PDB file of N, CA and C in Angstrom:
ATOM      1  N   MET A   1     -77.750-144.028  77.561  1.00  0.00           N
ATOM      2  CA  MET A   1     -79.180-144.059  77.284  1.00  0.00           C
ATOM      3  C   MET A   1     -79.874-144.958  78.313  1.00  0.00           C
ATOM      4  N   THR A   2     -80.855-144.412  78.969  1.00  0.00           N
ATOM      5  CA  THR A   2     -81.569-145.193  79.971  1.00  0.00           C
ATOM      6  C   THR A   2     -82.880-145.701  79.390  1.00  0.00           C
ATOM      7  N   GLN A   3     -83.179-146.920  79.727  1.00  0.00           N
ATOM      8  CA  GLN A   3     -84.439-147.492  79.296  1.00  0.00           C
ATOM      9  C   GLN A   3     -85.440-147.364  80.441  1.00  0.00           C
ATOM     10  N   ARG A   4     -86.669-147.065  80.076  1.00  0.00           N
ATOM     11  CA  ARG A   4     -87.710-147.008  81.109  1.00  0.00           C
ATOM     12  C   ARG A   4     -87.993-148.415  81.591  1.00  0.00           C
ATOM     13  N   ASN A   5     -88.093-148.524  82.861  1.00  0.00           N
ATOM     14  CA  ASN A   5     -88.416-149.804  83.458  1.00  0.00           C
ATOM     15  C   ASN A   5     -89.877-150.146  83.132  1.00  0.00           C
ATOM     16  N   PRO A   6     -90.143-151.265  82.463  1.00  0.00           N
ATOM     17  CA  PRO A   6     -91.526-151.592  82.117  1.00  0.00           C
ATOM     18  C   PRO A   6     -92.396-151.749  83.362  1.00  0.00           C
ATOM     19  N   TYR A   7     -91.784-152.145  84.473  1.00  0.00           N
ATOM     20  CA  TYR A   7     -92.543-152.269  85.725  1.00  0.00           C
ATOM     21  C   TYR A   7     -93.097-150.915  86.148  1.00  0.00           C
ATOM     22  N   ASN A   8     -92.285-149.867  86.059  1.00  0.00           N
ATOM     23  CA  ASN A   8     -92.748-148.522  86.409  1.00  0.00           C
ATOM     24  C   ASN A   8     -93.840-148.056  85.452  1.00  0.00           C
ATOM     25  N   LYS A   9     -93.668-148.378  84.178  1.00  0.00           N
ATOM     26  CA  LYS A   9     -94.683-148.015  83.188  1.00  0.00           C
ATOM     27  C   LYS A   9     -96.002-148.714  83.523  1.00  0.00           C
ATOM     28  N   ASN A  10     -95.921-149.991  83.875  1.00  0.00           N
ATOM     29  CA  ASN A  10     -97.121-150.736  84.240  1.00  0.00           C
ATOM     30  C   ASN A  10     -97.766-150.164  85.494  1.00  0.00           C
ATOM     31  N   LYS A  11     -96.938-149.747  86.456  1.00  0.00           N
ATOM     32  CA  LYS A  11     -97.457-149.129  87.668  1.00  0.00           C
ATOM     33  C   LYS A  11     -98.263-147.896  87.325  1.00  0.00           C
ATOM     34  N   GLN A  12     -97.686-147.063  86.457  1.00  0.00           N
ATOM     35  CA  GLN A  12     -98.354-145.820  86.082  1.00  0.00           C
ATOM     36  C   GLN A  12     -99.624-146.091  85.299  1.00  0.00           C
ATOM     37  N   GLU A  13     -99.568-147.037  84.377  1.00  0.00           N
ATOM     38  CA  GLU A  13    -100.756-147.369  83.591  1.00  0.00           C
ATOM     39  C   GLU A  13    -101.859-147.944  84.470  1.00  0.00           C
ATOM     40  N   ALA A  14    -101.482-148.793  85.413  1.00  0.00           N
ATOM     41  CA  ALA A  14    -102.467-149.376  86.322  1.00  0.00           C
ATOM     42  C   ALA A  14    -103.104-148.287  87.178  1.00  0.00           C
ATOM     43  N   PHE A  15    -102.285-147.374  87.654  1.00  0.00           N
ATOM     44  CA  PHE A  15    -102.804-146.277  88.466  1.00  0.00           C
ATOM     45  C   PHE A  15    -103.742-145.404  87.639  1.00  0.00           C
ATOM     46  N   GLN A  16    -103.346-145.086  86.420  1.00  0.00           N
ATOM     47  CA  GLN A  16    -104.183-144.235  85.562  1.00  0.00           C
ATOM     48  C   GLN A  16    -105.510-144.913  85.237  1.00  0.00           C
ATOM     49  N   ALA A  17    -105.492-146.216  85.011  1.00  0.00           N
ATOM     50  CA  ALA A  17    -106.736-146.943  84.743  1.00  0.00           C
ATOM     51  C   ALA A  17    -107.647-146.899  85.973  1.00  0.00           C
ATOM     52  N   ALA A  18    -107.067-147.076  87.145  1.00  0.00           N
ATOM     53  CA  ALA A  18    -107.849-147.029  88.380  1.00  0.00           C
ATOM     54  C   ALA A  18    -108.420-145.632  88.598  1.00  0.00           C
ATOM     55  N   GLN A  19    -107.595-144.628  88.344  1.00  0.00           N
ATOM     56  CA  GLN A  19    -108.049-143.248  88.512  1.00  0.00           C
ATOM     57  C   GLN A  19    -109.189-142.941  87.544  1.00  0.00           C
ATOM     58  N   GLN A  20    -109.065-143.378  86.303  1.00  0.00           N
ATOM     59  CA  GLN A  20    -110.108-143.140  85.311  1.00  0.00           C
ATOM     60  C   GLN A  20    -111.394-143.849  85.700  1.00  0.00           C
ATOM     61  N   GLY A  21    -111.284-145.089  86.161  1.00  0.00           N
ATOM     62  CA  GLY A  21    -112.462-145.824  86.593  1.00  0.00           C
ATOM     63  C   GLY A  21    -113.153-145.135  87.750  1.00  0.00           C
ATOM     64  N   TYR A  22    -112.361-144.636  88.679  1.00  0.00           N
ATOM     65  CA  TYR A  22    -112.907-143.903  89.818  1.00  0.00           C
ATOM     66  C   TYR A  22    -113.620-142.643  89.349  1.00  0.00           C
ATOM     67  N   GLU A  23    -112.972-141.895  88.464  1.00  0.00           N
ATOM     68  CA  GLU A  23    -113.558-140.645  87.975  1.00  0.00           C
ATOM     69  C   GLU A  23    -114.839-140.906  87.188  1.00  0.00           C
ATOM     70  N   ASP A  24    -114.870-141.988  86.412  1.00  0.00           N
ATOM     71  CA  ASP A  24    -116.089-142.346  85.671  1.00  0.00           C
ATOM     72  C   ASP A  24    -117.237-142.621  86.638  1.00  0.00           C
ATOM     73  N   ALA A  25    -116.951-143.407  87.681  1.00  0.00           N
ATOM     74  CA  ALA A  25    -117.982-143.730  88.663  1.00  0.00           C
ATOM     75  C   ALA A  25    -118.433-142.476  89.400  1.00  0.00           C
ATOM     76  N   GLN A  26    -117.487-141.632  89.757  1.00  0.00           N
ATOM     77  CA  GLN A  26    -117.820-140.411  90.474  1.00  0.00           C
ATOM     78  C   GLN A  26    -118.690-139.492  89.612  1.00  0.00           C
ATOM     79  N   GLY A  27    -118.345-139.362  88.349  1.00  0.00           N
ATOM     80  CA  GLY A  27    -119.124-138.524  87.447  1.00  0.00           C
ATOM     81  C   GLY A  27    -120.542-139.028  87.300  1.00  0.00           C
ATOM     82  N   LEU A  28    -120.696-140.321  87.169  1.00  0.00           N
ATOM     83  CA  LEU A  28    -122.025-140.915  87.048  1.00  0.00           C
ATOM     84  C   LEU A  28    -122.820-140.715  88.338  1.00  0.00           C
ATOM     85  N   PHE A  29    -122.155-140.911  89.463  1.00  0.00           N
ATOM     86  CA  PHE A  29    -122.797-140.717  90.762  1.00  0.00           C
ATOM     87  C   PHE A  29    -123.352-139.302  90.883  1.00  0.00           C
ATOM     88  N   GLU A  30    -122.578-138.330  90.441  1.00  0.00           N
ATOM     89  CA  GLU A  30    -122.980-136.933  90.560  1.00  0.00           C
ATOM     90  C   GLU A  30    -124.150-136.576  89.646  1.00  0.00           C
ATOM     91  N   THR A  31    -124.371-137.360  88.583  1.00  0.00           N
ATOM     92  CA  THR A  31    -125.451-137.040  87.646  1.00  0.00           C
ATOM     93  C   THR A  31    -126.762-137.758  87.970  1.00  0.00           C
ATOM     94  N   ILE A  32    -126.714-138.730  88.870  1.00  0.00           N
ATOM     95  CA  ILE A  32    -127.940-139.469  89.199  1.00  0.00           C
ATOM     96  C   ILE A  32    -128.907-138.552  89.950  1.00  0.00           C
ATOM     97  N   VAL A  33    -130.119-138.560  89.477  1.00  0.00           N
ATOM     98  CA  VAL A  33    -131.187-137.814  90.142  1.00  0.00           C
ATOM     99  C   VAL A  33    -132.186-138.849  90.640  1.00  0.00           C
ATOM    100  N   SER A  34    -132.412-138.860  91.944  1.00  0.00           N
ATOM    101  CA  SER A  34    -133.212-139.943  92.537  1.00  0.00           C
ATOM    102  C   SER A  34    -134.654-139.976  92.047  1.00  0.00           C
ATOM    103  N   ASP A  35    -135.203-138.837  91.624  1.00  0.00           N
ATOM    104  CA  ASP A  35    -136.587-138.853  91.152  1.00  0.00           C
ATOM    105  C   ASP A  35    -136.692-138.922  89.627  1.00  0.00           C
ATOM    106  N   SER A  36    -135.593-139.199  88.984  1.00  0.00           N
ATOM    107  CA  SER A  36    -135.570-139.315  87.530  1.00  0.00           C
ATOM    108  C   SER A  36    -136.297-140.589  87.083  1.00  0.00           C
ATOM    109  N   ALA A  37    -136.929-140.504  85.937  1.00  0.00           N
ATOM    110  CA  ALA A  37    -137.605-141.682  85.379  1.00  0.00           C
ATOM    111  C   ALA A  37    -136.593-142.792  85.063  1.00  0.00           C
ATOM    112  N   ASN A  38    -135.347-142.406  84.805  1.00  0.00           N
ATOM    113  CA  ASN A  38    -134.302-143.378  84.470  1.00  0.00           C
ATOM    114  C   ASN A  38    -133.457-143.776  85.672  1.00  0.00           C
ATOM    115  N   TYR A  39    -133.913-143.463  86.875  1.00  0.00           N
ATOM    116  CA  TYR A  39    -133.098-143.703  88.068  1.00  0.00           C
ATOM    117  C   TYR A  39    -132.634-145.151  88.178  1.00  0.00           C
ATOM    118  N   GLY A  40    -133.554-146.086  87.976  1.00  0.00           N
ATOM    119  CA  GLY A  40    -133.193-147.502  88.082  1.00  0.00           C
ATOM    120  C   GLY A  40    -132.100-147.892  87.113  1.00  0.00           C
ATOM    121  N   HIS A  41    -132.230-147.416  85.889  1.00  0.00           N
ATOM    122  CA  HIS A  41    -131.216-147.693  84.869  1.00  0.00           C
ATOM    123  C   HIS A  41    -129.893-147.033  85.248  1.00  0.00           C
ATOM    124  N   GLN A  42    -129.959-145.789  85.694  1.00  0.00           N
ATOM    125  CA  GLN A  42    -128.748-145.068  86.098  1.00  0.00           C
ATOM    126  C   GLN A  42    -128.070-145.762  87.274  1.00  0.00           C
ATOM    127  N   LEU A  43    -128.869-146.227  88.211  1.00  0.00           N
ATOM    128  CA  LEU A  43    -128.320-146.893  89.391  1.00  0.00           C
ATOM    129  C   LEU A  43    -127.595-148.181  88.998  1.00  0.00           C
ATOM    130  N   LYS A  44    -128.206-148.937  88.099  1.00  0.00           N
ATOM    131  CA  LYS A  44    -127.565-150.172  87.626  1.00  0.00           C
ATOM    132  C   LYS A  44    -126.231-149.845  86.940  1.00  0.00           C
ATOM    133  N   HIS A  45    -126.236-148.811  86.132  1.00  0.00           N
ATOM    134  CA  HIS A  45    -125.018-148.387  85.436  1.00  0.00           C
ATOM    135  C   HIS A  45    -123.952-147.945  86.446  1.00  0.00           C
ATOM    136  N   LEU A  46    -124.368-147.213  87.457  1.00  0.00           N
ATOM    137  CA  LEU A  46    -123.425-146.765  88.487  1.00  0.00           C
ATOM    138  C   LEU A  46    -122.814-147.957  89.208  1.00  0.00           C
ATOM    139  N   LYS A  47    -123.636-148.940  89.551  1.00  0.00           N
ATOM    140  CA  LYS A  47    -123.112-150.115  90.256  1.00  0.00           C
ATOM    141  C   LYS A  47    -122.073-150.835  89.402  1.00  0.00           C
ATOM    142  N   ASN A  48    -122.333-150.926  88.104  1.00  0.00           N
ATOM    143  CA  ASN A  48    -121.357-151.545  87.204  1.00  0.00           C
ATOM    144  C   ASN A  48    -120.057-150.748  87.172  1.00  0.00           C
ATOM    145  N   GLU A  49    -120.174-149.414  87.086  1.00  0.00           N
ATOM    146  CA  GLU A  49    -118.992-148.547  87.061  1.00  0.00           C
ATOM    147  C   GLU A  49    -118.192-148.672  88.359  1.00  0.00           C
ATOM    148  N   VAL A  50    -118.897-148.702  89.481  1.00  0.00           N
ATOM    149  CA  VAL A  50    -118.221-148.815  90.775  1.00  0.00           C
ATOM    150  C   VAL A  50    -117.491-150.152  90.872  1.00  0.00           C
ATOM    151  N   ASN A  51    -118.148-151.230  90.456  1.00  0.00           N
ATOM    152  CA  ASN A  51    -117.505-152.548  90.485  1.00  0.00           C
ATOM    153  C   ASN A  51    -116.268-152.580  89.603  1.00  0.00           C
ATOM    154  N   GLU A  52    -116.370-151.983  88.431  1.00  0.00           N
ATOM    155  CA  GLU A  52    -115.226-151.933  87.517  1.00  0.00           C
ATOM    156  C   GLU A  52    -114.098-151.104  88.131  1.00  0.00           C
ATOM    157  N   ALA A  53    -114.449-149.984  88.726  1.00  0.00           N
ATOM    158  CA  ALA A  53    -113.441-149.121  89.361  1.00  0.00           C
ATOM    159  C   ALA A  53    -112.750-149.865  90.503  1.00  0.00           C
ATOM    160  N   TYR A  54    -113.527-150.571  91.320  1.00  0.00           N
ATOM    161  CA  TYR A  54    -112.932-151.356  92.408  1.00  0.00           C
ATOM    162  C   TYR A  54    -111.916-152.352  91.864  1.00  0.00           C
ATOM    163  N   GLN A  55    -112.266-153.029  90.782  1.00  0.00           N
ATOM    164  CA  GLN A  55    -111.362-154.026  90.196  1.00  0.00           C
ATOM    165  C   GLN A  55    -110.085-153.365  89.692  1.00  0.00           C
ATOM    166  N   GLN A  56    -110.226-152.223  89.031  1.00  0.00           N
ATOM    167  CA  GLN A  56    -109.050-151.507  88.532  1.00  0.00           C
ATOM    168  C   GLN A  56    -108.174-151.042  89.686  1.00  0.00           C
ATOM    169  N   ILE A  57    -108.794-150.598  90.765  1.00  0.00           N
ATOM    170  CA  ILE A  57    -108.037-150.158  91.937  1.00  0.00           C
ATOM    171  C   ILE A  57    -107.296-151.340  92.552  1.00  0.00           C
ATOM    172  N   GLU A  58    -107.982-152.475  92.682  1.00  0.00           N
ATOM    173  CA  GLU A  58    -107.326-153.669  93.237  1.00  0.00           C
ATOM    174  C   GLU A  58    -106.112-154.065  92.396  1.00  0.00           C
ATOM    175  N   ASN A  59    -106.268-154.031  91.072  1.00  0.00           N
ATOM    176  CA  ASN A  59    -105.151-154.365  90.185  1.00  0.00           C
ATOM    177  C   ASN A  59    -104.002-153.386  90.371  1.00  0.00           C
ATOM    178  N   ALA A  60    -104.319-152.101  90.463  1.00  0.00           N
ATOM    179  CA  ALA A  60    -103.283-151.075  90.609  1.00  0.00           C
ATOM    180  C   ALA A  60    -102.582-151.198  91.958  1.00  0.00           C
ATOM    181  N   LEU A  61    -103.306-151.571  93.002  1.00  0.00           N
ATOM    182  CA  LEU A  61    -102.703-151.706  94.330  1.00  0.00           C
ATOM    183  C   LEU A  61    -101.607-152.767  94.354  1.00  0.00           C
ATOM    184  N   GLU A  62    -101.708-153.755  93.474  1.00  0.00           N
ATOM    185  CA  GLU A  62    -100.709-154.822  93.437  1.00  0.00           C
ATOM    186  C   GLU A  62     -99.334-154.314  93.040  1.00  0.00           C
ATOM    187  N   VAL A  63     -99.291-153.199  92.303  1.00  0.00           N
ATOM    188  CA  VAL A  63     -98.000-152.689  91.804  1.00  0.00           C
ATOM    189  C   VAL A  63     -97.745-151.233  92.195  1.00  0.00           C
ATOM    190  N   ALA A  64     -98.594-150.672  93.047  1.00  0.00           N
ATOM    191  CA  ALA A  64     -98.553-149.236  93.327  1.00  0.00           C
ATOM    192  C   ALA A  64     -97.352-148.827  94.174  1.00  0.00           C
ATOM    193  N   SER A  65     -96.901-147.600  93.931  1.00  0.00           N
ATOM    194  CA  SER A  65     -95.919-146.973  94.809  1.00  0.00           C
ATOM    195  C   SER A  65     -96.648-146.546  96.082  1.00  0.00           C
ATOM    196  N   GLU A  66     -95.907-146.115  97.076  1.00  0.00           N
ATOM    197  CA  GLU A  66     -96.534-145.680  98.330  1.00  0.00           C
ATOM    198  C   GLU A  66     -97.490-144.506  98.098  1.00  0.00           C
ATOM    199  N   LYS A  67     -97.052-143.546  97.297  1.00  0.00           N
ATOM    200  CA  LYS A  67     -97.885-142.373  97.018  1.00  0.00           C
ATOM    201  C   LYS A  67     -99.159-142.793  96.281  1.00  0.00           C
ATOM    202  N   GLN A  68     -98.999-143.659  95.280  1.00  0.00           N
ATOM    203  CA  GLN A  68    -100.158-144.144  94.538  1.00  0.00           C
ATOM    204  C   GLN A  68    -101.083-144.941  95.446  1.00  0.00           C
ATOM    205  N   ARG A  69    -100.507-145.744  96.330  1.00  0.00           N
ATOM    206  CA  ARG A  69    -101.300-146.585  97.231  1.00  0.00           C
ATOM    207  C   ARG A  69    -102.223-145.713  98.092  1.00  0.00           C
ATOM    208  N   ALA A  70    -101.705-144.631  98.624  1.00  0.00           N
ATOM    209  CA  ALA A  70    -102.522-143.740  99.454  1.00  0.00           C
ATOM    210  C   ALA A  70    -103.689-143.169  98.648  1.00  0.00           C
ATOM    211  N   GLN A  71    -103.419-142.771  97.406  1.00  0.00           N
ATOM    212  CA  GLN A  71    -104.479-142.214  96.557  1.00  0.00           C
ATOM    213  C   GLN A  71    -105.500-143.290  96.190  1.00  0.00           C
ATOM    214  N   LEU A  72    -105.023-144.474  95.880  1.00  0.00           N
ATOM    215  CA  LEU A  72    -105.920-145.570  95.523  1.00  0.00           C
ATOM    216  C   LEU A  72    -106.819-145.947  96.699  1.00  0.00           C
ATOM    217  N   GLU A  73    -106.258-145.945  97.899  1.00  0.00           N
ATOM    218  CA  GLU A  73    -107.060-146.255  99.080  1.00  0.00           C
ATOM    219  C   GLU A  73    -108.107-145.171  99.316  1.00  0.00           C
ATOM    220  N   GLN A  74    -107.772-143.924  98.996  1.00  0.00           N
ATOM    221  CA  GLN A  74    -108.751-142.843  99.101  1.00  0.00           C
ATOM    222  C   GLN A  74    -109.863-143.046  98.074  1.00  0.00           C
ATOM    223  N   PHE A  75    -109.501-143.473  96.858  1.00  0.00           N
ATOM    224  CA  PHE A  75    -110.517-143.777  95.841  1.00  0.00           C
ATOM    225  C   PHE A  75    -111.482-144.836  96.374  1.00  0.00           C
ATOM    226  N   GLN A  76    -110.935-145.890  97.007  1.00  0.00           N
ATOM    227  CA  GLN A  76    -111.786-146.949  97.544  1.00  0.00           C
ATOM    228  C   GLN A  76    -112.750-146.399  98.592  1.00  0.00           C
ATOM    229  N   GLN A  77    -112.248-145.555  99.472  1.00  0.00           N
ATOM    230  CA  GLN A  77    -113.102-144.969 100.511  1.00  0.00           C
ATOM    231  C   GLN A  77    -114.197-144.114  99.887  1.00  0.00           C
ATOM    232  N   ASP A  78    -113.838-143.320  98.882  1.00  0.00           N
ATOM    233  CA  ASP A  78    -114.828-142.469  98.214  1.00  0.00           C
ATOM    234  C   ASP A  78    -115.889-143.303  97.507  1.00  0.00           C
ATOM    235  N   LEU A  79    -115.467-144.384  96.862  1.00  0.00           N
ATOM    236  CA  LEU A  79    -116.426-145.269  96.196  1.00  0.00           C
ATOM    237  C   LEU A  79    -117.366-145.900  97.220  1.00  0.00           C
ATOM    238  N   GLN A  80    -116.815-146.296  98.356  1.00  0.00           N
ATOM    239  CA  GLN A  80    -117.649-146.891  99.400  1.00  0.00           C
ATOM    240  C   GLN A  80    -118.676-145.873  99.890  1.00  0.00           C
ATOM    241  N   GLN A  81    -118.263-144.619  99.998  1.00  0.00           N
ATOM    242  CA  GLN A  81    -119.190-143.571 100.423  1.00  0.00           C
ATOM    243  C   GLN A  81    -120.306-143.390  99.393  1.00  0.00           C
ATOM    244  N   MET A  82    -119.965-143.442  98.109  1.00  0.00           N
ATOM    245  CA  MET A  82    -120.976-143.346  97.055  1.00  0.00           C
ATOM    246  C   MET A  82    -121.996-144.463  97.204  1.00  0.00           C
ATOM    247  N   VAL A  83    -121.510-145.689  97.401  1.00  0.00           N
ATOM    248  CA  VAL A  83    -122.389-146.852  97.536  1.00  0.00           C
ATOM    249  C   VAL A  83    -123.302-146.663  98.749  1.00  0.00           C
ATOM    250  N   THR A  84    -122.739-146.200  99.846  1.00  0.00           N
ATOM    251  CA  THR A  84    -123.532-145.969 101.069  1.00  0.00           C
ATOM    252  C   THR A  84    -124.628-144.956 100.800  1.00  0.00           C
ATOM    253  N   GLU A  85    -124.297-143.847 100.152  1.00  0.00           N
ATOM    254  CA  GLU A  85    -125.275-142.810  99.885  1.00  0.00           C
ATOM    255  C   GLU A  85    -126.378-143.300  98.947  1.00  0.00           C
ATOM    256  N   VAL A  86    -126.014-144.029  97.916  1.00  0.00           N
ATOM    257  CA  VAL A  86    -127.000-144.551  96.966  1.00  0.00           C
ATOM    258  C   VAL A  86    -127.916-145.542  97.668  1.00  0.00           C
ATOM    259  N   ASN A  87    -127.358-146.370  98.526  1.00  0.00           N
ATOM    260  CA  ASN A  87    -128.167-147.371  99.233  1.00  0.00           C
ATOM    261  C   ASN A  87    -129.148-146.711 100.199  1.00  0.00           C
ATOM    262  N   GLN A  88    -128.825-145.556 100.707  1.00  0.00           N
ATOM    263  CA  GLN A  88    -129.737-144.842 101.598  1.00  0.00           C
ATOM    264  C   GLN A  88    -130.936-144.283 100.839  1.00  0.00           C
ATOM    265  N   VAL A  89    -130.741-143.999  99.549  1.00  0.00           N
ATOM    266  CA  VAL A  89    -131.808-143.426  98.718  1.00  0.00           C
ATOM    267  C   VAL A  89    -132.798-144.510  98.313  1.00  0.00           C
ATOM    268  N   GLU A  90    -132.285-145.714  98.076  1.00  0.00           N
ATOM    269  CA  GLU A  90    -133.141-146.816  97.591  1.00  0.00           C
ATOM    270  C   GLU A  90    -134.265-147.134  98.555  1.00  0.00           C
TER     271      GLU A  90
END
């Protein structure tokens, strides 16, 4: 009987949390409409989501496998692109 290595489980959980945070931020980014009456509120919410996603990604990078690391770094690049695009609208 083999026991799952808790380190591997933590790696996977950290990666999944980072992925979820990224997807949440991406989904919010895609729904923002710059001429919406709630744009300011939406933008503040997006910034919070992006910051949270960055933190989750940083945590996951500490324990990530090589494959996960490449995906996490892509998440970071995509988040940075979102921030750049939003800042151009402001």
